Each structure stands twice: as structure tokens, then as C-alpha cells.
N, C-alpha and C. Protein backbone atom coordinates (compact mmCIF):
# COMPACT_ATOMS: atom_id res chain seq x y z
N MET A 1 38.72 105.49 144.70
CA MET A 1 39.33 106.35 143.70
C MET A 1 39.28 107.79 144.15
N SER A 2 40.40 108.49 143.99
CA SER A 2 40.50 109.86 144.49
C SER A 2 39.50 110.77 143.82
N ALA A 3 38.90 111.68 144.65
CA ALA A 3 37.91 112.61 144.13
C ALA A 3 38.54 113.63 143.20
N ASP A 4 39.85 113.91 143.37
CA ASP A 4 40.51 114.91 142.54
C ASP A 4 41.10 114.32 141.27
N CYS A 5 40.81 113.07 140.98
CA CYS A 5 41.31 112.42 139.78
C CYS A 5 40.55 112.93 138.57
N THR A 6 41.25 113.29 137.51
CA THR A 6 40.62 113.80 136.30
C THR A 6 39.91 112.68 135.56
N PRO A 7 38.99 113.00 134.62
CA PRO A 7 38.34 111.95 133.83
C PRO A 7 39.36 111.07 133.10
N ALA A 8 40.40 111.70 132.53
CA ALA A 8 41.45 110.92 131.85
C ALA A 8 42.19 110.05 132.85
N GLY A 9 42.41 110.58 134.05
CA GLY A 9 43.08 109.82 135.09
C GLY A 9 42.26 108.62 135.54
N ARG A 10 40.95 108.79 135.58
CA ARG A 10 40.09 107.67 135.97
C ARG A 10 40.16 106.54 134.95
N ILE A 11 40.23 106.91 133.67
CA ILE A 11 40.37 105.88 132.63
C ILE A 11 41.70 105.15 132.78
N THR A 12 42.77 105.92 133.01
CA THR A 12 44.09 105.32 133.17
C THR A 12 44.13 104.39 134.37
N ARG A 13 43.53 104.83 135.48
CA ARG A 13 43.49 103.98 136.68
C ARG A 13 42.70 102.70 136.42
N SER A 14 41.62 102.82 135.69
CA SER A 14 40.82 101.62 135.38
C SER A 14 41.64 100.63 134.57
N LEU A 15 42.40 101.13 133.60
CA LEU A 15 43.25 100.25 132.78
C LEU A 15 44.33 99.60 133.63
N LEU A 16 44.97 100.38 134.49
CA LEU A 16 46.00 99.83 135.37
C LEU A 16 45.42 98.85 136.38
N GLY A 17 44.15 99.07 136.74
CA GLY A 17 43.49 98.16 137.66
C GLY A 17 43.43 96.74 137.12
N TYR A 18 43.29 96.62 135.79
CA TYR A 18 43.31 95.28 135.19
C TYR A 18 44.66 94.61 135.42
N GLY A 19 45.73 95.41 135.41
CA GLY A 19 47.05 94.85 135.66
C GLY A 19 47.22 94.38 137.09
N ILE A 20 46.57 95.06 138.03
CA ILE A 20 46.63 94.64 139.43
C ILE A 20 45.91 93.31 139.63
N VAL A 21 44.85 93.11 138.86
CA VAL A 21 44.02 91.90 139.00
C VAL A 21 44.57 90.73 138.19
N ALA A 22 45.23 91.01 137.05
CA ALA A 22 45.61 89.97 136.08
C ALA A 22 46.41 88.83 136.70
N GLY A 23 47.47 89.17 137.44
CA GLY A 23 48.32 88.13 138.01
C GLY A 23 47.61 87.23 138.99
N PRO A 24 46.97 87.79 140.03
CA PRO A 24 46.23 86.94 140.96
C PRO A 24 45.17 86.08 140.27
N PHE A 25 44.48 86.66 139.29
CA PHE A 25 43.45 85.91 138.56
C PHE A 25 44.07 84.70 137.87
N TYR A 26 45.15 84.93 137.13
CA TYR A 26 45.79 83.83 136.39
C TYR A 26 46.29 82.75 137.33
N VAL A 27 46.99 83.15 138.38
CA VAL A 27 47.59 82.18 139.30
C VAL A 27 46.53 81.36 140.02
N VAL A 28 45.49 82.01 140.51
CA VAL A 28 44.44 81.30 141.25
C VAL A 28 43.74 80.28 140.35
N VAL A 29 43.38 80.70 139.13
CA VAL A 29 42.67 79.79 138.22
C VAL A 29 43.57 78.62 137.82
N ALA A 30 44.83 78.90 137.49
CA ALA A 30 45.74 77.83 137.07
C ALA A 30 46.08 76.90 138.22
N LEU A 31 46.35 77.48 139.39
CA LEU A 31 46.74 76.66 140.54
C LEU A 31 45.58 75.78 141.01
N ALA A 32 44.37 76.32 140.96
CA ALA A 32 43.21 75.52 141.35
C ALA A 32 43.07 74.29 140.46
N GLN A 33 43.34 74.47 139.17
CA GLN A 33 43.28 73.34 138.24
C GLN A 33 44.43 72.36 138.48
N ALA A 34 45.64 72.92 138.67
CA ALA A 34 46.82 72.09 138.85
C ALA A 34 46.68 71.16 140.06
N LEU A 35 45.95 71.62 141.07
CA LEU A 35 45.82 70.84 142.30
C LEU A 35 44.62 69.89 142.29
N THR A 36 43.75 70.05 141.29
CA THR A 36 42.51 69.25 141.29
C THR A 36 42.29 68.41 140.04
N ARG A 37 42.95 68.73 138.94
CA ARG A 37 42.71 67.98 137.70
C ARG A 37 43.29 66.57 137.82
N ASP A 38 42.51 65.58 137.44
CA ASP A 38 42.92 64.19 137.50
C ASP A 38 44.13 63.94 136.60
N GLY A 39 45.19 63.40 137.19
CA GLY A 39 46.37 63.04 136.42
C GLY A 39 47.40 64.15 136.28
N PHE A 40 47.07 65.36 136.73
CA PHE A 40 48.02 66.46 136.59
C PHE A 40 48.97 66.47 137.77
N ASP A 41 50.27 66.48 137.47
CA ASP A 41 51.30 66.49 138.50
C ASP A 41 52.02 67.84 138.46
N PRO A 42 51.78 68.73 139.43
CA PRO A 42 52.39 70.06 139.41
C PRO A 42 53.92 70.05 139.41
N SER A 43 54.51 68.93 139.84
CA SER A 43 55.97 68.86 139.91
C SER A 43 56.61 68.53 138.57
N ARG A 44 55.80 68.12 137.59
CA ARG A 44 56.39 67.78 136.29
C ARG A 44 55.61 68.29 135.09
N HIS A 45 54.36 68.71 135.29
CA HIS A 45 53.54 69.18 134.17
C HIS A 45 53.47 70.70 134.15
N ALA A 46 53.73 71.29 132.98
CA ALA A 46 53.59 72.74 132.80
C ALA A 46 52.12 73.12 132.81
N TRP A 47 51.80 74.31 133.31
CA TRP A 47 50.40 74.74 133.38
C TRP A 47 49.74 74.82 132.01
N SER A 48 50.52 74.99 130.96
CA SER A 48 49.95 75.06 129.60
C SER A 48 49.21 73.78 129.24
N LEU A 49 49.64 72.64 129.81
CA LEU A 49 48.99 71.37 129.51
C LEU A 49 47.56 71.32 130.01
N LEU A 50 47.20 72.20 130.93
CA LEU A 50 45.84 72.23 131.45
C LEU A 50 44.81 72.60 130.39
N ALA A 51 45.27 73.12 129.26
CA ALA A 51 44.36 73.49 128.17
C ALA A 51 43.81 72.27 127.44
N ASN A 52 44.25 71.08 127.83
CA ASN A 52 43.79 69.84 127.21
C ASN A 52 42.75 69.13 128.07
N GLY A 53 41.99 68.25 127.45
CA GLY A 53 40.99 67.48 128.17
C GLY A 53 39.63 68.16 128.20
N ASP A 54 38.68 67.52 128.85
CA ASP A 54 37.30 68.04 128.90
C ASP A 54 37.21 69.40 129.56
N LEU A 55 38.08 69.65 130.53
CA LEU A 55 38.07 70.93 131.23
C LEU A 55 39.12 71.91 130.70
N GLY A 56 39.69 71.58 129.57
CA GLY A 56 40.73 72.43 129.00
C GLY A 56 40.28 73.84 128.70
N TRP A 57 38.99 74.02 128.45
CA TRP A 57 38.47 75.35 128.13
C TRP A 57 38.72 76.35 129.26
N ILE A 58 38.86 75.84 130.49
CA ILE A 58 39.08 76.75 131.62
C ILE A 58 40.44 77.43 131.48
N GLN A 59 41.49 76.64 131.19
CA GLN A 59 42.81 77.22 131.04
C GLN A 59 42.92 78.07 129.78
N ILE A 60 42.22 77.66 128.72
CA ILE A 60 42.20 78.47 127.49
C ILE A 60 41.61 79.84 127.80
N ALA A 61 40.48 79.85 128.52
CA ALA A 61 39.85 81.12 128.91
C ALA A 61 40.76 81.91 129.84
N ASN A 62 41.48 81.20 130.71
CA ASN A 62 42.41 81.85 131.63
C ASN A 62 43.50 82.61 130.86
N PHE A 63 44.07 81.97 129.86
CA PHE A 63 45.07 82.62 129.03
C PHE A 63 44.50 83.86 128.34
N VAL A 64 43.34 83.70 127.71
CA VAL A 64 42.77 84.79 126.91
C VAL A 64 42.37 85.97 127.79
N VAL A 65 41.66 85.70 128.88
CA VAL A 65 41.20 86.79 129.76
C VAL A 65 42.39 87.50 130.39
N THR A 66 43.37 86.72 130.87
CA THR A 66 44.56 87.33 131.47
C THR A 66 45.32 88.16 130.44
N GLY A 67 45.40 87.65 129.21
CA GLY A 67 46.07 88.39 128.15
C GLY A 67 45.39 89.71 127.86
N LEU A 68 44.06 89.71 127.80
CA LEU A 68 43.32 90.94 127.55
C LEU A 68 43.54 91.95 128.68
N MET A 69 43.55 91.47 129.91
CA MET A 69 43.79 92.37 131.04
C MET A 69 45.21 92.94 131.00
N THR A 70 46.17 92.12 130.57
CA THR A 70 47.56 92.57 130.48
C THR A 70 47.72 93.64 129.40
N VAL A 71 47.06 93.44 128.26
CA VAL A 71 47.11 94.44 127.19
C VAL A 71 46.50 95.76 127.66
N ALA A 72 45.37 95.67 128.36
CA ALA A 72 44.73 96.87 128.89
C ALA A 72 45.66 97.59 129.86
N ALA A 73 46.32 96.83 130.73
CA ALA A 73 47.25 97.43 131.70
C ALA A 73 48.44 98.07 131.00
N ALA A 74 48.92 97.44 129.93
CA ALA A 74 50.04 98.01 129.18
C ALA A 74 49.66 99.36 128.59
N TYR A 75 48.44 99.46 128.08
CA TYR A 75 47.98 100.74 127.55
C TYR A 75 47.84 101.77 128.67
N GLY A 76 47.36 101.31 129.83
CA GLY A 76 47.27 102.20 130.99
C GLY A 76 48.64 102.69 131.42
N LEU A 77 49.64 101.81 131.34
CA LEU A 77 51.01 102.19 131.69
C LEU A 77 51.53 103.24 130.72
N ARG A 78 51.20 103.08 129.45
CA ARG A 78 51.62 104.07 128.44
C ARG A 78 51.03 105.44 128.76
N ARG A 79 49.80 105.46 129.22
CA ARG A 79 49.15 106.72 129.58
C ARG A 79 49.71 107.30 130.87
N ALA A 80 50.13 106.43 131.78
CA ALA A 80 50.59 106.89 133.10
C ALA A 80 52.03 107.38 133.10
N LEU A 81 52.86 106.81 132.22
CA LEU A 81 54.27 107.17 132.21
C LEU A 81 54.47 108.58 131.64
N THR A 82 55.24 109.36 132.35
CA THR A 82 55.62 110.68 131.86
C THR A 82 56.75 110.52 130.84
N PRO A 83 56.98 111.52 129.99
CA PRO A 83 58.05 111.41 129.00
C PRO A 83 59.39 111.05 129.64
N GLY A 84 60.12 110.20 128.98
CA GLY A 84 61.40 109.78 129.51
C GLY A 84 61.72 108.35 129.12
N ARG A 85 62.80 107.84 129.68
CA ARG A 85 63.26 106.49 129.35
C ARG A 85 62.19 105.44 129.66
N GLY A 86 61.95 104.57 128.69
CA GLY A 86 61.04 103.46 128.89
C GLY A 86 59.59 103.74 128.59
N ARG A 87 59.24 105.00 128.30
CA ARG A 87 57.83 105.31 128.11
C ARG A 87 57.24 104.59 126.89
N THR A 88 58.05 104.44 125.85
CA THR A 88 57.57 103.76 124.65
C THR A 88 57.73 102.25 124.75
N TRP A 89 58.94 101.81 125.15
CA TRP A 89 59.25 100.39 125.06
C TRP A 89 58.61 99.55 126.15
N ALA A 90 58.54 100.03 127.37
CA ALA A 90 57.97 99.22 128.45
C ALA A 90 56.51 98.83 128.17
N PRO A 91 55.62 99.79 127.85
CA PRO A 91 54.24 99.40 127.54
C PRO A 91 54.14 98.50 126.30
N LEU A 92 54.99 98.79 125.28
CA LEU A 92 54.95 97.98 124.06
C LEU A 92 55.33 96.54 124.35
N LEU A 93 56.41 96.34 125.09
CA LEU A 93 56.86 94.99 125.41
C LEU A 93 55.84 94.24 126.26
N LEU A 94 55.25 94.92 127.23
CA LEU A 94 54.23 94.28 128.07
C LEU A 94 52.96 94.00 127.27
N GLY A 95 52.66 94.88 126.32
CA GLY A 95 51.50 94.64 125.45
C GLY A 95 51.71 93.41 124.59
N ILE A 96 52.93 93.24 124.07
CA ILE A 96 53.23 92.05 123.28
C ILE A 96 53.11 90.80 124.14
N TYR A 97 53.56 90.89 125.38
CA TYR A 97 53.41 89.75 126.29
C TYR A 97 51.94 89.41 126.47
N GLY A 98 51.09 90.44 126.63
CA GLY A 98 49.66 90.20 126.77
C GLY A 98 49.08 89.50 125.54
N VAL A 99 49.50 89.95 124.35
CA VAL A 99 49.04 89.33 123.11
C VAL A 99 49.51 87.87 123.04
N SER A 100 50.72 87.63 123.55
CA SER A 100 51.24 86.25 123.52
C SER A 100 50.42 85.33 124.43
N LEU A 101 49.90 85.87 125.52
CA LEU A 101 49.03 85.07 126.38
C LEU A 101 47.74 84.69 125.65
N ILE A 102 47.20 85.65 124.92
CA ILE A 102 46.01 85.36 124.12
C ILE A 102 46.33 84.28 123.10
N GLY A 103 47.51 84.42 122.44
CA GLY A 103 47.93 83.42 121.47
C GLY A 103 48.14 82.05 122.08
N ALA A 104 48.63 82.03 123.32
CA ALA A 104 48.84 80.75 124.01
C ALA A 104 47.52 80.03 124.26
N GLY A 105 46.44 80.81 124.42
CA GLY A 105 45.13 80.21 124.58
C GLY A 105 44.53 79.76 123.26
N VAL A 106 44.73 80.57 122.24
CA VAL A 106 44.20 80.23 120.91
C VAL A 106 44.91 79.02 120.33
N PHE A 107 46.25 79.00 120.46
CA PHE A 107 47.05 77.88 119.95
C PHE A 107 47.39 76.97 121.12
N ARG A 108 46.55 75.97 121.31
CA ARG A 108 46.64 75.11 122.49
C ARG A 108 47.91 74.27 122.50
N ALA A 109 48.50 74.10 123.68
CA ALA A 109 49.65 73.20 123.84
C ALA A 109 49.21 71.75 123.60
N ASP A 110 50.11 70.96 123.11
CA ASP A 110 49.80 69.55 122.85
C ASP A 110 49.76 68.73 124.13
N PRO A 111 48.90 67.72 124.19
CA PRO A 111 48.95 66.78 125.33
C PRO A 111 50.33 66.14 125.38
N ALA A 112 50.84 65.90 126.57
CA ALA A 112 52.19 65.34 126.70
C ALA A 112 52.41 64.79 128.10
N GLN A 113 53.43 63.99 128.26
CA GLN A 113 53.87 63.48 129.57
C GLN A 113 52.74 62.80 130.35
N GLY A 114 51.87 62.11 129.61
CA GLY A 114 50.81 61.37 130.27
C GLY A 114 49.62 62.20 130.70
N PHE A 115 49.56 63.47 130.30
CA PHE A 115 48.40 64.31 130.63
C PHE A 115 47.81 64.89 129.35
N PRO A 116 46.44 64.81 129.22
CA PRO A 116 45.47 64.17 130.12
C PRO A 116 45.70 62.65 130.26
N VAL A 117 45.04 62.07 131.23
CA VAL A 117 45.21 60.65 131.50
C VAL A 117 45.01 59.84 130.21
N GLY A 118 45.95 58.95 129.93
CA GLY A 118 45.90 58.14 128.72
C GLY A 118 46.80 58.63 127.62
N THR A 119 47.35 59.83 127.78
CA THR A 119 48.25 60.37 126.77
C THR A 119 49.62 59.69 126.90
N PRO A 120 50.25 59.33 125.76
CA PRO A 120 51.60 58.74 125.83
C PRO A 120 52.59 59.71 126.45
N GLU A 121 53.66 59.19 127.00
CA GLU A 121 54.69 60.03 127.61
C GLU A 121 55.33 60.95 126.58
N THR A 122 55.53 60.42 125.38
CA THR A 122 56.13 61.20 124.30
C THR A 122 55.13 61.33 123.16
N THR A 123 54.90 62.55 122.69
CA THR A 123 53.95 62.80 121.61
C THR A 123 54.60 63.71 120.56
N THR A 124 54.00 63.73 119.37
CA THR A 124 54.50 64.61 118.31
C THR A 124 53.93 66.02 118.51
N ILE A 125 54.63 67.01 117.97
CA ILE A 125 54.20 68.40 118.10
C ILE A 125 53.34 68.78 116.91
N SER A 126 52.14 69.27 117.17
CA SER A 126 51.23 69.70 116.11
C SER A 126 51.55 71.14 115.71
N TRP A 127 50.87 71.62 114.67
CA TRP A 127 51.09 73.01 114.22
C TRP A 127 50.68 74.00 115.31
N HIS A 128 49.56 73.70 116.00
CA HIS A 128 49.14 74.64 117.05
C HIS A 128 50.03 74.53 118.28
N GLY A 129 50.57 73.33 118.52
CA GLY A 129 51.50 73.19 119.62
C GLY A 129 52.80 73.96 119.37
N MET A 130 53.25 73.93 118.11
CA MET A 130 54.45 74.68 117.75
C MET A 130 54.22 76.18 117.87
N LEU A 131 53.04 76.65 117.43
CA LEU A 131 52.72 78.08 117.55
C LEU A 131 52.59 78.49 119.02
N HIS A 132 52.08 77.58 119.84
CA HIS A 132 51.99 77.85 121.28
C HIS A 132 53.38 78.12 121.85
N LEU A 133 54.34 77.28 121.48
CA LEU A 133 55.70 77.45 121.96
C LEU A 133 56.32 78.73 121.43
N MET A 134 56.05 79.05 120.17
CA MET A 134 56.64 80.24 119.55
C MET A 134 56.11 81.53 120.19
N VAL A 135 54.77 81.63 120.30
CA VAL A 135 54.21 82.87 120.87
C VAL A 135 54.58 83.00 122.34
N GLY A 136 54.66 81.85 123.03
CA GLY A 136 55.07 81.89 124.43
C GLY A 136 56.49 82.37 124.58
N GLY A 137 57.40 81.87 123.73
CA GLY A 137 58.79 82.28 123.79
C GLY A 137 58.97 83.76 123.51
N ILE A 138 58.27 84.26 122.50
CA ILE A 138 58.34 85.69 122.17
C ILE A 138 57.83 86.52 123.34
N GLY A 139 56.69 86.11 123.89
CA GLY A 139 56.11 86.85 125.01
C GLY A 139 57.00 86.87 126.23
N PHE A 140 57.61 85.73 126.55
CA PHE A 140 58.50 85.65 127.71
C PHE A 140 59.72 86.56 127.54
N LEU A 141 60.30 86.56 126.34
CA LEU A 141 61.46 87.41 126.09
C LEU A 141 61.10 88.88 126.22
N CYS A 142 59.93 89.26 125.70
CA CYS A 142 59.48 90.66 125.82
C CYS A 142 59.27 91.03 127.28
N LEU A 143 58.72 90.11 128.05
CA LEU A 143 58.48 90.35 129.47
C LEU A 143 59.80 90.56 130.22
N ILE A 144 60.79 89.75 129.90
CA ILE A 144 62.10 89.86 130.55
C ILE A 144 62.74 91.21 130.23
N VAL A 145 62.70 91.60 128.95
CA VAL A 145 63.28 92.88 128.55
C VAL A 145 62.54 94.04 129.23
N ALA A 146 61.20 93.92 129.34
CA ALA A 146 60.40 94.96 129.99
C ALA A 146 60.84 95.15 131.45
N CYS A 147 61.20 94.07 132.11
CA CYS A 147 61.68 94.17 133.50
C CYS A 147 62.90 95.08 133.58
N PHE A 148 63.84 94.88 132.67
CA PHE A 148 65.07 95.67 132.70
C PHE A 148 64.86 97.10 132.21
N VAL A 149 63.95 97.28 131.27
CA VAL A 149 63.63 98.64 130.80
C VAL A 149 63.03 99.45 131.95
N LEU A 150 62.09 98.86 132.68
CA LEU A 150 61.48 99.56 133.80
C LEU A 150 62.44 99.72 134.96
N ALA A 151 63.38 98.78 135.11
CA ALA A 151 64.40 98.92 136.15
C ALA A 151 65.21 100.19 135.92
N THR A 152 65.55 100.44 134.67
CA THR A 152 66.30 101.66 134.32
C THR A 152 65.47 102.90 134.61
N ARG A 153 64.20 102.85 134.26
CA ARG A 153 63.29 103.97 134.50
C ARG A 153 63.17 104.24 136.01
N PHE A 154 62.93 103.20 136.78
CA PHE A 154 62.78 103.37 138.23
C PHE A 154 64.06 103.90 138.87
N SER A 155 65.20 103.42 138.39
CA SER A 155 66.47 103.88 138.92
C SER A 155 66.66 105.37 138.65
N ARG A 156 66.30 105.81 137.46
CA ARG A 156 66.42 107.23 137.11
C ARG A 156 65.50 108.08 137.96
N ASP A 157 64.32 107.52 138.30
CA ASP A 157 63.35 108.26 139.10
C ASP A 157 63.60 108.17 140.60
N GLY A 158 64.67 107.48 140.99
CA GLY A 158 65.01 107.37 142.41
C GLY A 158 64.21 106.31 143.15
N ARG A 159 63.55 105.42 142.42
CA ARG A 159 62.77 104.34 143.03
C ARG A 159 63.65 103.09 143.13
N ARG A 160 64.57 103.09 144.08
CA ARG A 160 65.56 102.01 144.16
C ARG A 160 64.93 100.65 144.42
N GLY A 161 63.93 100.61 145.29
CA GLY A 161 63.28 99.33 145.60
C GLY A 161 62.65 98.72 144.37
N LEU A 162 61.90 99.53 143.62
CA LEU A 162 61.26 99.03 142.40
C LEU A 162 62.29 98.68 141.34
N ALA A 163 63.38 99.44 141.29
CA ALA A 163 64.43 99.16 140.32
C ALA A 163 65.06 97.79 140.57
N TRP A 164 65.38 97.51 141.85
CA TRP A 164 65.98 96.22 142.18
C TRP A 164 64.99 95.08 142.03
N PHE A 165 63.74 95.32 142.39
CA PHE A 165 62.70 94.29 142.21
C PHE A 165 62.58 93.94 140.73
N SER A 166 62.64 94.95 139.87
CA SER A 166 62.54 94.72 138.43
C SER A 166 63.73 93.93 137.91
N ARG A 167 64.94 94.29 138.35
CA ARG A 167 66.14 93.57 137.90
C ARG A 167 66.11 92.11 138.36
N ILE A 168 65.79 91.91 139.64
CA ILE A 168 65.76 90.55 140.18
C ILE A 168 64.70 89.72 139.47
N THR A 169 63.55 90.32 139.22
CA THR A 169 62.48 89.60 138.51
C THR A 169 62.93 89.20 137.12
N GLY A 170 63.60 90.11 136.41
CA GLY A 170 64.09 89.79 135.07
C GLY A 170 65.06 88.63 135.08
N VAL A 171 65.98 88.62 136.05
CA VAL A 171 66.97 87.55 136.15
C VAL A 171 66.30 86.22 136.52
N VAL A 172 65.40 86.26 137.51
CA VAL A 172 64.71 85.05 137.96
C VAL A 172 63.88 84.45 136.83
N PHE A 173 63.15 85.30 136.12
CA PHE A 173 62.29 84.76 135.06
C PHE A 173 63.12 84.26 133.89
N LEU A 174 64.23 84.94 133.58
CA LEU A 174 65.11 84.46 132.52
C LEU A 174 65.66 83.08 132.86
N ALA A 175 66.07 82.89 134.11
CA ALA A 175 66.59 81.60 134.54
C ALA A 175 65.51 80.52 134.48
N GLY A 176 64.29 80.87 134.94
CA GLY A 176 63.20 79.91 134.90
C GLY A 176 62.82 79.53 133.49
N PHE A 177 62.79 80.52 132.60
CA PHE A 177 62.46 80.28 131.20
C PHE A 177 63.53 79.41 130.54
N ALA A 178 64.80 79.70 130.81
CA ALA A 178 65.89 78.92 130.23
C ALA A 178 65.81 77.47 130.69
N GLY A 179 65.45 77.28 131.96
CA GLY A 179 65.36 75.93 132.48
C GLY A 179 64.25 75.12 131.83
N ILE A 180 63.06 75.74 131.71
CA ILE A 180 61.93 75.02 131.11
C ILE A 180 62.13 74.81 129.63
N ALA A 181 62.84 75.75 128.97
CA ALA A 181 63.09 75.63 127.53
C ALA A 181 64.09 74.51 127.24
N SER A 182 64.87 74.12 128.25
CA SER A 182 65.86 73.06 128.05
C SER A 182 65.21 71.69 127.90
N GLY A 183 63.94 71.60 128.28
CA GLY A 183 63.22 70.34 128.15
C GLY A 183 63.27 69.45 129.37
N SER A 184 63.98 69.88 130.40
CA SER A 184 64.05 69.08 131.63
C SER A 184 62.80 69.30 132.48
N HIS A 185 62.53 68.38 133.39
CA HIS A 185 61.32 68.44 134.20
C HIS A 185 61.68 68.32 135.68
N GLY A 186 60.70 68.06 136.51
CA GLY A 186 60.95 67.92 137.94
C GLY A 186 61.24 69.25 138.58
N PRO A 187 62.42 69.40 139.20
CA PRO A 187 62.78 70.66 139.87
C PRO A 187 62.70 71.87 138.93
N THR A 188 63.01 71.65 137.66
CA THR A 188 62.97 72.75 136.69
C THR A 188 61.55 73.27 136.51
N THR A 189 60.58 72.36 136.48
CA THR A 189 59.19 72.76 136.34
C THR A 189 58.74 73.58 137.55
N LEU A 190 59.09 73.11 138.74
CA LEU A 190 58.72 73.85 139.95
C LEU A 190 59.43 75.20 140.01
N ALA A 191 60.67 75.27 139.53
CA ALA A 191 61.41 76.53 139.51
C ALA A 191 60.73 77.52 138.56
N PHE A 192 60.21 77.01 137.45
CA PHE A 192 59.52 77.90 136.51
C PHE A 192 58.22 78.41 137.12
N VAL A 193 57.51 77.57 137.83
CA VAL A 193 56.29 78.00 138.51
C VAL A 193 56.63 79.11 139.51
N ALA A 194 57.72 78.94 140.24
CA ALA A 194 58.14 79.98 141.19
C ALA A 194 58.46 81.28 140.45
N ALA A 195 59.10 81.17 139.28
CA ALA A 195 59.43 82.36 138.49
C ALA A 195 58.16 83.05 138.00
N VAL A 196 57.16 82.26 137.63
CA VAL A 196 55.87 82.83 137.20
C VAL A 196 55.22 83.60 138.34
N LEU A 197 55.26 83.05 139.54
CA LEU A 197 54.69 83.73 140.71
C LEU A 197 55.42 85.05 140.97
N VAL A 198 56.75 85.04 140.83
CA VAL A 198 57.53 86.26 141.05
C VAL A 198 57.19 87.32 140.01
N VAL A 199 57.10 86.93 138.74
CA VAL A 199 56.87 87.92 137.68
C VAL A 199 55.47 88.51 137.77
N TRP A 200 54.50 87.72 138.17
CA TRP A 200 53.16 88.28 138.32
C TRP A 200 53.08 89.19 139.55
N ALA A 201 53.82 88.85 140.60
CA ALA A 201 53.87 89.75 141.76
C ALA A 201 54.50 91.08 141.37
N TRP A 202 55.52 91.01 140.52
CA TRP A 202 56.18 92.23 140.03
C TRP A 202 55.21 93.06 139.19
N PHE A 203 54.50 92.41 138.29
CA PHE A 203 53.57 93.12 137.41
C PHE A 203 52.48 93.81 138.23
N THR A 204 51.96 93.11 139.22
CA THR A 204 50.94 93.68 140.09
C THR A 204 51.49 94.90 140.83
N THR A 205 52.71 94.78 141.34
CA THR A 205 53.35 95.87 142.08
C THR A 205 53.57 97.09 141.19
N VAL A 206 54.03 96.87 139.97
CA VAL A 206 54.28 97.97 139.03
C VAL A 206 52.97 98.70 138.70
N CYS A 207 51.94 97.94 138.39
CA CYS A 207 50.64 98.55 138.05
C CYS A 207 50.07 99.31 139.25
N ARG A 208 50.24 98.74 140.43
CA ARG A 208 49.75 99.40 141.65
C ARG A 208 50.50 100.70 141.90
N HIS A 209 51.80 100.69 141.64
CA HIS A 209 52.61 101.90 141.82
C HIS A 209 52.11 103.03 140.92
N PHE A 210 51.93 102.73 139.65
CA PHE A 210 51.49 103.78 138.72
C PHE A 210 50.02 104.15 138.93
N TYR A 211 49.23 103.19 139.39
CA TYR A 211 47.84 103.50 139.74
C TYR A 211 47.78 104.61 140.77
N ARG A 212 48.70 104.56 141.75
CA ARG A 212 48.72 105.56 142.82
C ARG A 212 49.23 106.93 142.36
N THR A 213 50.00 106.95 141.27
CA THR A 213 50.59 108.22 140.82
C THR A 213 49.67 108.99 139.89
N VAL A 214 48.66 108.34 139.35
CA VAL A 214 47.77 108.98 138.36
C VAL A 214 46.83 109.95 139.05
N ARG A 215 46.69 111.11 138.45
CA ARG A 215 45.75 112.12 138.96
C ARG A 215 44.83 112.60 137.83
């Protein structure tokens, strides 16, 4: 951390630091489970299903901790952004996404598609499963809009690379979300996983960019 960073700047950097860590943390924890949990098929099972079974608490904690880090980073972004386009909406939208991650952990997804082992292929949706889908949908939409809001901000500031990365991320994640929301599996599930990896890489890059600008 720079020696010339002000006390307020150090707080802002610390908050943005959570955003740099959030994506890798979430992906590593979820991917480790996806590759090792008995009966879990990464090519057809959504990562939300990992919240079920004896080890489900790991994914629940993953959602909650990642959500808290995302909310902290959103507040750091609000502090780091200078007045102008996107200063209000970008942090707000990302903060809502962080809250939705916490909600996704609190309202567990229902067992489905044979996971955990012994679960029927088709199951009914519980109240918490429905809330999981609702908060997830709201959070994803806010995240997509945040990509385009920040794309406009970066374009105005002359940051063409970040502007295009933001636009592409928004389009990729929208397509991935639309595919998974259609209810299809197989290639669609893997495409959504790829979209998740892209959006977390984007979030890490954005937080790292503003981390470097804070003094």
C-alpha cells in the first residue's frame, strides 16, 4: 500500500481489496466442490445445487462470504468514484448483487436432477427454492446493468479497454443467464459457468483498477 495514501484512501483500498478477492474465492470454493462432490456433474448441475447435502454448508458459506465481500467492494467503489456518470448507480447495482448472493445462501436451492445422490430427477419447488431463484434473478440483472453503466463511465474517461471489457462481459453474462433461465442443461450449464468466470474476472479487474487510483 502506497505510503502517500490518506487514511480515507486506505479504508477505500481495503474495501476494494475485498472485491479483488471475492471472485477468485467464490470460484475456487465452488469449483473444488463441483469436481469432488459425489454425484455432482459439472456439465449439467448448477453450482447452486452444492448447497444441498451433508456438505451443503460449504456452498452456503461461500455465497454469504462472497456476498459480504461484494457489498464491501461496492461501497469502496462508491468512495473511489469521482463525481460523474455511474457514480451512484454502479455501486448501488453491484451492492444489490452482493445482497443477492447473501440471499442465495440464506434461501437454499432445492435438490434437483439427481443431486444429492438419491434425489429424483424432477422435484417440486419449495418456498426457499423459489426465493433463491428470485433473488438470484434480481442480482444477475443488476450485475448486467452495472456492466453497461461502468462501460459508459470508462468510455467517458478514455478507458477504452475497460469500456469494451465491461460491454462484452454484460453481453456474455446476459446470454449465459438467459440460457440457464430457459431450463435447458448440458452445454447451457457449461456456458453459464463460463459466463460466471468472465463476470468475476471483470469484477476483479474493475476493483483492481480503482484500487490503483485511490490516494
